[in-house]
N, C-alpha and C. Protein backbone atom coordinates (compact mmCIF):
# COMPACT_ATOMS: atom_id res chain seq x y z
N MET A 1 0.84 -1.18 0.00
CA MET A 1 0.00 0.00 0.00
C MET A 1 0.88 1.24 0.00
N ILE A 2 0.48 2.20 -0.76
CA ILE A 2 1.28 3.42 -0.87
C ILE A 2 1.30 4.18 0.44
N GLY A 3 0.16 4.26 1.10
CA GLY A 3 0.07 5.04 2.33
C GLY A 3 0.88 4.47 3.48
N LYS A 4 1.23 3.21 3.44
CA LYS A 4 1.93 2.56 4.53
C LYS A 4 3.45 2.66 4.39
N VAL A 5 3.95 3.08 3.24
CA VAL A 5 5.39 3.12 2.99
C VAL A 5 5.88 4.55 3.12
N SER A 6 6.90 4.74 3.90
CA SER A 6 7.49 6.06 4.05
C SER A 6 8.73 6.15 3.19
N HIS A 7 8.71 7.05 2.21
CA HIS A 7 9.83 7.18 1.29
C HIS A 7 10.75 8.31 1.70
N SER A 8 10.47 8.96 2.81
CA SER A 8 11.30 10.08 3.22
C SER A 8 12.43 9.64 4.14
N GLN A 9 12.40 8.40 4.60
CA GLN A 9 13.44 7.91 5.49
C GLN A 9 14.54 7.25 4.67
N PRO A 10 15.80 7.46 5.06
CA PRO A 10 16.89 6.82 4.32
C PRO A 10 16.88 5.31 4.54
N MET A 11 17.38 4.60 3.56
CA MET A 11 17.45 3.15 3.65
C MET A 11 18.84 2.77 4.12
N VAL A 12 18.93 2.02 5.20
CA VAL A 12 20.22 1.59 5.73
C VAL A 12 20.54 0.22 5.15
N LEU A 13 21.70 0.11 4.56
CA LEU A 13 22.11 -1.15 3.94
C LEU A 13 22.67 -2.10 4.99
N PRO A 14 22.54 -3.40 4.77
CA PRO A 14 23.10 -4.38 5.70
C PRO A 14 24.63 -4.29 5.71
N PRO A 15 25.25 -4.73 6.82
CA PRO A 15 26.71 -4.60 6.95
C PRO A 15 27.50 -5.28 5.84
N GLU A 16 27.03 -6.43 5.35
CA GLU A 16 27.79 -7.12 4.31
C GLU A 16 27.85 -6.33 3.01
N VAL A 17 26.86 -5.50 2.78
CA VAL A 17 26.87 -4.65 1.59
C VAL A 17 27.68 -3.39 1.85
N THR A 18 27.46 -2.77 2.98
CA THR A 18 28.16 -1.52 3.27
C THR A 18 29.65 -1.71 3.44
N ASN A 19 30.10 -2.85 3.97
CA ASN A 19 31.52 -3.09 4.14
C ASN A 19 32.25 -3.16 2.81
N LYS A 20 31.57 -3.63 1.78
CA LYS A 20 32.19 -3.76 0.46
C LYS A 20 32.15 -2.45 -0.33
N THR A 21 31.14 -1.62 -0.07
CA THR A 21 30.94 -0.48 -0.95
C THR A 21 31.30 0.87 -0.34
N THR A 22 31.44 0.97 0.97
CA THR A 22 31.70 2.28 1.56
C THR A 22 33.18 2.55 1.66
N LYS A 23 33.52 3.81 1.52
CA LYS A 23 34.89 4.26 1.71
C LYS A 23 34.97 4.89 3.08
N SER A 24 36.16 5.07 3.58
CA SER A 24 36.29 5.66 4.91
C SER A 24 35.71 7.07 4.90
N GLY A 25 34.95 7.37 5.96
CA GLY A 25 34.35 8.69 6.09
C GLY A 25 33.02 8.84 5.38
N THR A 26 32.50 7.79 4.76
CA THR A 26 31.20 7.90 4.10
C THR A 26 30.14 7.26 4.98
N SER A 27 28.92 7.60 4.72
CA SER A 27 27.79 7.13 5.51
C SER A 27 27.32 5.77 5.02
N ASN A 28 26.65 5.01 5.87
CA ASN A 28 26.08 3.72 5.50
C ASN A 28 24.64 3.86 5.03
N VAL A 29 24.29 4.99 4.49
CA VAL A 29 22.93 5.26 4.07
C VAL A 29 22.89 5.39 2.55
N ALA A 30 21.99 4.65 1.91
CA ALA A 30 21.81 4.74 0.46
C ALA A 30 20.65 5.67 0.17
N GLN A 31 20.76 6.44 -0.87
CA GLN A 31 19.68 7.34 -1.28
C GLN A 31 18.82 6.61 -2.31
N VAL A 32 17.51 6.73 -2.15
CA VAL A 32 16.58 6.09 -3.07
C VAL A 32 15.78 7.19 -3.75
N GLU A 33 15.73 7.13 -5.07
CA GLU A 33 14.95 8.12 -5.81
C GLU A 33 13.69 7.45 -6.32
N LEU A 34 12.55 8.10 -6.13
CA LEU A 34 11.27 7.53 -6.55
C LEU A 34 11.11 7.66 -8.05
N SER A 35 10.54 6.65 -8.67
CA SER A 35 10.30 6.70 -10.11
C SER A 35 9.15 7.67 -10.39
N SER A 36 9.08 8.12 -11.62
CA SER A 36 8.00 9.05 -11.98
C SER A 36 6.64 8.36 -11.87
N ALA A 37 6.59 7.05 -12.12
CA ALA A 37 5.31 6.32 -11.99
C ALA A 37 4.84 6.31 -10.54
N LEU A 38 5.76 6.10 -9.60
CA LEU A 38 5.40 6.09 -8.19
C LEU A 38 4.98 7.48 -7.74
N LYS A 39 5.68 8.49 -8.21
CA LYS A 39 5.30 9.87 -7.87
C LYS A 39 3.90 10.17 -8.39
N SER A 40 3.60 9.69 -9.59
CA SER A 40 2.27 9.89 -10.17
C SER A 40 1.20 9.17 -9.34
N LEU A 41 1.51 7.95 -8.89
CA LEU A 41 0.56 7.21 -8.04
C LEU A 41 0.32 7.92 -6.72
N GLN A 42 1.39 8.46 -6.14
CA GLN A 42 1.24 9.19 -4.88
C GLN A 42 0.38 10.44 -5.07
N SER A 43 0.57 11.11 -6.19
CA SER A 43 -0.23 12.30 -6.49
C SER A 43 -1.71 11.93 -6.67
N ALA A 44 -1.96 10.82 -7.36
CA ALA A 44 -3.34 10.36 -7.56
C ALA A 44 -3.98 9.98 -6.23
N LYS A 45 -3.22 9.31 -5.36
CA LYS A 45 -3.75 8.92 -4.06
C LYS A 45 -4.10 10.15 -3.24
N THR A 46 -3.25 11.15 -3.27
CA THR A 46 -3.53 12.39 -2.54
C THR A 46 -4.81 13.04 -3.05
N SER A 47 -4.98 13.05 -4.37
CA SER A 47 -6.20 13.63 -4.96
C SER A 47 -7.43 12.83 -4.55
N MET A 48 -7.33 11.51 -4.55
CA MET A 48 -8.47 10.66 -4.16
C MET A 48 -8.82 10.84 -2.70
N ASP A 49 -7.81 11.04 -1.85
CA ASP A 49 -8.08 11.24 -0.42
C ASP A 49 -8.86 12.53 -0.17
N LYS A 50 -8.75 13.49 -1.08
CA LYS A 50 -9.42 14.78 -0.91
C LYS A 50 -10.84 14.77 -1.47
N THR A 51 -11.22 13.74 -2.21
CA THR A 51 -12.55 13.70 -2.81
C THR A 51 -13.49 12.82 -2.00
N SER A 52 -14.77 13.09 -2.16
CA SER A 52 -15.80 12.33 -1.45
C SER A 52 -16.34 11.23 -2.35
N ASP A 53 -16.76 10.13 -1.75
CA ASP A 53 -17.38 9.05 -2.51
C ASP A 53 -18.83 9.37 -2.88
N VAL A 54 -19.38 10.40 -2.27
CA VAL A 54 -20.78 10.76 -2.48
C VAL A 54 -20.85 12.13 -3.14
N ASP A 55 -21.62 12.22 -4.23
CA ASP A 55 -21.83 13.50 -4.91
C ASP A 55 -22.98 14.21 -4.19
N MET A 56 -22.64 15.12 -3.30
CA MET A 56 -23.64 15.78 -2.47
C MET A 56 -24.60 16.65 -3.29
N ASN A 57 -24.18 17.13 -4.45
CA ASN A 57 -25.09 17.89 -5.32
C ASN A 57 -26.22 16.99 -5.82
N LYS A 58 -25.89 15.75 -6.20
CA LYS A 58 -26.92 14.82 -6.66
C LYS A 58 -27.84 14.41 -5.51
N VAL A 59 -27.29 14.26 -4.32
CA VAL A 59 -28.10 13.93 -3.15
C VAL A 59 -29.10 15.05 -2.88
N ALA A 60 -28.64 16.29 -2.92
CA ALA A 60 -29.53 17.43 -2.69
C ALA A 60 -30.61 17.52 -3.76
N GLU A 61 -30.22 17.22 -5.00
CA GLU A 61 -31.19 17.25 -6.11
C GLU A 61 -32.27 16.19 -5.91
N MET A 62 -31.87 14.98 -5.52
CA MET A 62 -32.85 13.92 -5.29
C MET A 62 -33.75 14.23 -4.10
N LYS A 63 -33.18 14.81 -3.05
CA LYS A 63 -34.00 15.19 -1.90
C LYS A 63 -35.06 16.20 -2.31
N ALA A 64 -34.67 17.17 -3.13
CA ALA A 64 -35.61 18.19 -3.59
C ALA A 64 -36.71 17.57 -4.45
N LEU A 65 -36.33 16.66 -5.34
CA LEU A 65 -37.33 16.00 -6.20
C LEU A 65 -38.29 15.15 -5.38
N LEU A 66 -37.76 14.40 -4.42
CA LEU A 66 -38.62 13.57 -3.57
C LEU A 66 -39.53 14.43 -2.71
N GLY A 67 -38.98 15.52 -2.19
CA GLY A 67 -39.77 16.42 -1.34
C GLY A 67 -40.88 17.13 -2.08
N SER A 68 -40.65 17.42 -3.36
CA SER A 68 -41.66 18.13 -4.15
C SER A 68 -42.72 17.20 -4.69
N GLY A 69 -42.49 15.89 -4.62
CA GLY A 69 -43.47 14.93 -5.13
C GLY A 69 -43.33 14.67 -6.61
N LYS A 70 -42.33 15.23 -7.27
CA LYS A 70 -42.13 15.02 -8.70
C LYS A 70 -41.61 13.61 -9.00
N VAL A 71 -41.02 12.98 -8.00
CA VAL A 71 -40.50 11.63 -8.15
C VAL A 71 -41.08 10.79 -7.03
N SER A 72 -41.51 9.59 -7.38
CA SER A 72 -41.99 8.69 -6.35
C SER A 72 -41.14 7.42 -6.36
N VAL A 73 -41.10 6.77 -5.23
CA VAL A 73 -40.30 5.55 -5.09
C VAL A 73 -41.22 4.42 -4.67
N ASN A 74 -41.12 3.31 -5.40
CA ASN A 74 -41.87 2.13 -5.03
C ASN A 74 -41.04 1.44 -3.95
N LEU A 75 -41.47 1.55 -2.71
CA LEU A 75 -40.70 1.04 -1.58
C LEU A 75 -40.56 -0.48 -1.59
N ASP A 76 -41.55 -1.19 -2.12
CA ASP A 76 -41.45 -2.65 -2.21
C ASP A 76 -40.33 -3.05 -3.17
N ASN A 77 -40.25 -2.38 -4.33
CA ASN A 77 -39.18 -2.67 -5.28
C ASN A 77 -37.81 -2.29 -4.72
N LEU A 78 -37.76 -1.15 -4.03
CA LEU A 78 -36.51 -0.71 -3.43
C LEU A 78 -36.02 -1.72 -2.39
N ALA A 79 -36.92 -2.15 -1.52
CA ALA A 79 -36.55 -3.12 -0.49
C ALA A 79 -36.09 -4.43 -1.12
N GLY A 80 -36.78 -4.88 -2.15
CA GLY A 80 -36.39 -6.12 -2.85
C GLY A 80 -35.01 -5.98 -3.49
N SER A 81 -34.75 -4.85 -4.10
CA SER A 81 -33.44 -4.61 -4.73
C SER A 81 -32.34 -4.58 -3.69
N MET A 82 -32.62 -3.97 -2.54
CA MET A 82 -31.61 -3.91 -1.48
C MET A 82 -31.32 -5.31 -0.94
N LEU A 83 -32.36 -6.11 -0.75
CA LEU A 83 -32.15 -7.48 -0.27
C LEU A 83 -31.34 -8.29 -1.27
N ASP A 84 -31.69 -8.17 -2.55
CA ASP A 84 -30.94 -8.89 -3.59
C ASP A 84 -29.47 -8.49 -3.58
N PHE A 85 -29.21 -7.19 -3.48
CA PHE A 85 -27.84 -6.70 -3.50
C PHE A 85 -27.04 -7.25 -2.34
N TYR A 86 -27.57 -7.14 -1.13
CA TYR A 86 -26.83 -7.57 0.05
C TYR A 86 -26.73 -9.09 0.18
N GLN A 87 -27.71 -9.82 -0.30
CA GLN A 87 -27.63 -11.27 -0.24
C GLN A 87 -26.62 -11.80 -1.27
N ASP A 88 -26.49 -11.13 -2.41
CA ASP A 88 -25.52 -11.55 -3.41
C ASP A 88 -24.10 -11.23 -3.01
N ASN A 89 -23.90 -10.24 -2.15
CA ASN A 89 -22.55 -9.80 -1.75
C ASN A 89 -22.04 -10.45 -0.47
N GLU A 90 -22.71 -11.43 0.04
CA GLU A 90 -22.25 -12.11 1.27
C GLU A 90 -21.34 -13.25 0.96
């Protein structure tokens, strides 16, 4: 998961790698650069986190239509559809 990985922390290499590759006076920390694809995914995730799953404008529109009586709902059909949906998803 993207949200669970922290890319801002340096990656410390194991001793068997660092002993072969480090020179005296250098750090045992490797720098990791994120690919453009990963940066794009992180940007998309940030955008998705800021959006709502519910379109509140459509909810308000339906409330107004139902309140005015311009739209009616067959409650028996609605209840049957809800039962079918939830029974199929178990």
